[in-house]
Amino acid sequence: MWQKISTELYYTYTVVAEQKEVDVINAELESTLNKLESEKERLSDEEYIKVYARGEFHLVKEGEQVFLLPRIGGSEDPSVDEN
């Protein structure tokens, strides 16, 4: 009888521990989903896409000149993101 009770307690403890792990993973996935949905909304805005492309891919408008300045207290390489 005690063996049956201890076995059931072990399985219950195991299930509770696994549920906690699943809850943590679920919370991480929810956070990722919210970030992706937010980014999806921003990507539907043409102005955001222009700003993003100019900043991320260093795109320029026709006839525009770009001056790369060193970051204060940071890397001299502008492609290095320090955030």
Protein backbone atom coordinates (compact mmCIF):
# COMPACT_ATOMS: atom_id res chain seq x y z
CA MET A 1 0.00 0.00 0.00
CA TRP A 2 2.78 2.47 0.91
CA GLN A 3 4.59 1.63 -2.28
CA LYS A 4 1.50 2.49 -4.32
CA ILE A 5 1.08 5.80 -2.48
CA SER A 6 4.76 6.70 -2.87
CA THR A 7 4.62 5.83 -6.58
CA GLU A 8 1.56 8.02 -7.05
CA LEU A 9 3.22 10.86 -5.14
CA TYR A 10 6.32 10.52 -7.30
CA TYR A 11 4.27 10.68 -10.50
CA THR A 12 2.29 13.64 -9.17
CA TYR A 13 5.51 15.47 -8.27
CA THR A 14 6.94 14.68 -11.70
CA VAL A 15 3.84 15.95 -13.47
CA VAL A 16 3.83 19.17 -11.42
CA ALA A 17 7.52 19.75 -12.19
CA GLU A 18 6.94 19.14 -15.90
CA GLN A 19 3.93 21.48 -15.85
CA LYS A 20 6.11 24.24 -14.37
CA GLU A 21 8.63 23.74 -17.18
CA VAL A 22 5.85 23.84 -19.76
CA ASP A 23 4.50 27.04 -18.19
CA VAL A 24 7.92 28.70 -18.46
CA ILE A 25 8.29 27.65 -22.10
CA ASN A 26 4.74 28.80 -22.81
CA ALA A 27 5.45 32.23 -21.29
CA GLU A 28 8.59 32.55 -23.44
CA LEU A 29 6.64 31.61 -26.55
CA GLU A 30 3.88 34.10 -25.70
CA SER A 31 6.49 36.83 -25.34
CA THR A 32 8.06 35.90 -28.68
CA LEU A 33 4.64 35.82 -30.32
CA ASN A 34 3.81 39.30 -29.00
CA LYS A 35 7.11 40.67 -30.30
CA LEU A 36 6.55 39.10 -33.71
CA GLU A 37 2.98 40.41 -33.93
CA SER A 38 4.22 43.88 -33.02
CA GLU A 39 6.94 43.68 -35.68
CA LYS A 40 4.36 42.45 -38.21
CA GLU A 41 2.22 45.52 -37.52
CA ARG A 42 5.21 47.85 -37.89
CA LEU A 43 6.19 46.17 -41.15
CA SER A 44 2.80 47.06 -42.62
CA ASP A 45 3.76 50.75 -42.26
CA GLU A 46 5.63 51.97 -45.35
CA GLU A 47 7.45 54.71 -43.43
CA TYR A 48 8.74 52.21 -40.88
CA ILE A 49 10.02 49.98 -43.68
CA LYS A 50 11.90 52.91 -45.22
CA VAL A 51 13.51 53.86 -41.91
CA TYR A 52 14.32 50.24 -41.11
CA ALA A 53 15.88 49.60 -44.52
CA ARG A 54 17.97 52.79 -44.32
CA GLY A 55 19.24 51.93 -40.85
CA GLU A 56 19.64 48.18 -41.13
CA PHE A 57 20.86 47.85 -44.72
CA HIS A 58 22.44 51.29 -45.15
CA LEU A 59 20.21 52.10 -48.12
CA VAL A 60 20.32 55.65 -49.42
CA LYS A 61 18.09 57.78 -51.55
CA GLU A 62 19.22 58.75 -55.03
CA GLY A 63 21.75 61.60 -54.90
CA GLU A 64 22.17 61.30 -51.12
CA GLN A 65 25.60 61.20 -49.49
CA VAL A 66 26.22 59.21 -46.33
CA PHE A 67 28.79 60.19 -43.73
CA LEU A 68 29.74 57.47 -41.26
CA LEU A 69 30.83 58.93 -37.95
CA PRO A 70 32.54 56.97 -35.18
CA ARG A 71 30.44 56.26 -32.15
CA ILE A 72 31.43 58.03 -28.97
CA GLY A 73 32.97 55.57 -26.53
CA GLY A 74 32.25 52.65 -28.81
CA SER A 75 33.50 50.69 -31.73
CA GLU A 76 34.86 52.47 -34.79
CA ASP A 77 33.03 49.93 -36.96
CA PRO A 78 29.48 51.24 -37.62
CA SER A 79 28.28 47.71 -38.44
CA VAL A 80 28.86 46.65 -34.82
CA ASP A 81 25.69 47.00 -32.79
CA GLU A 82 26.58 47.58 -29.16
CA ASN A 83 23.03 47.36 -27.76
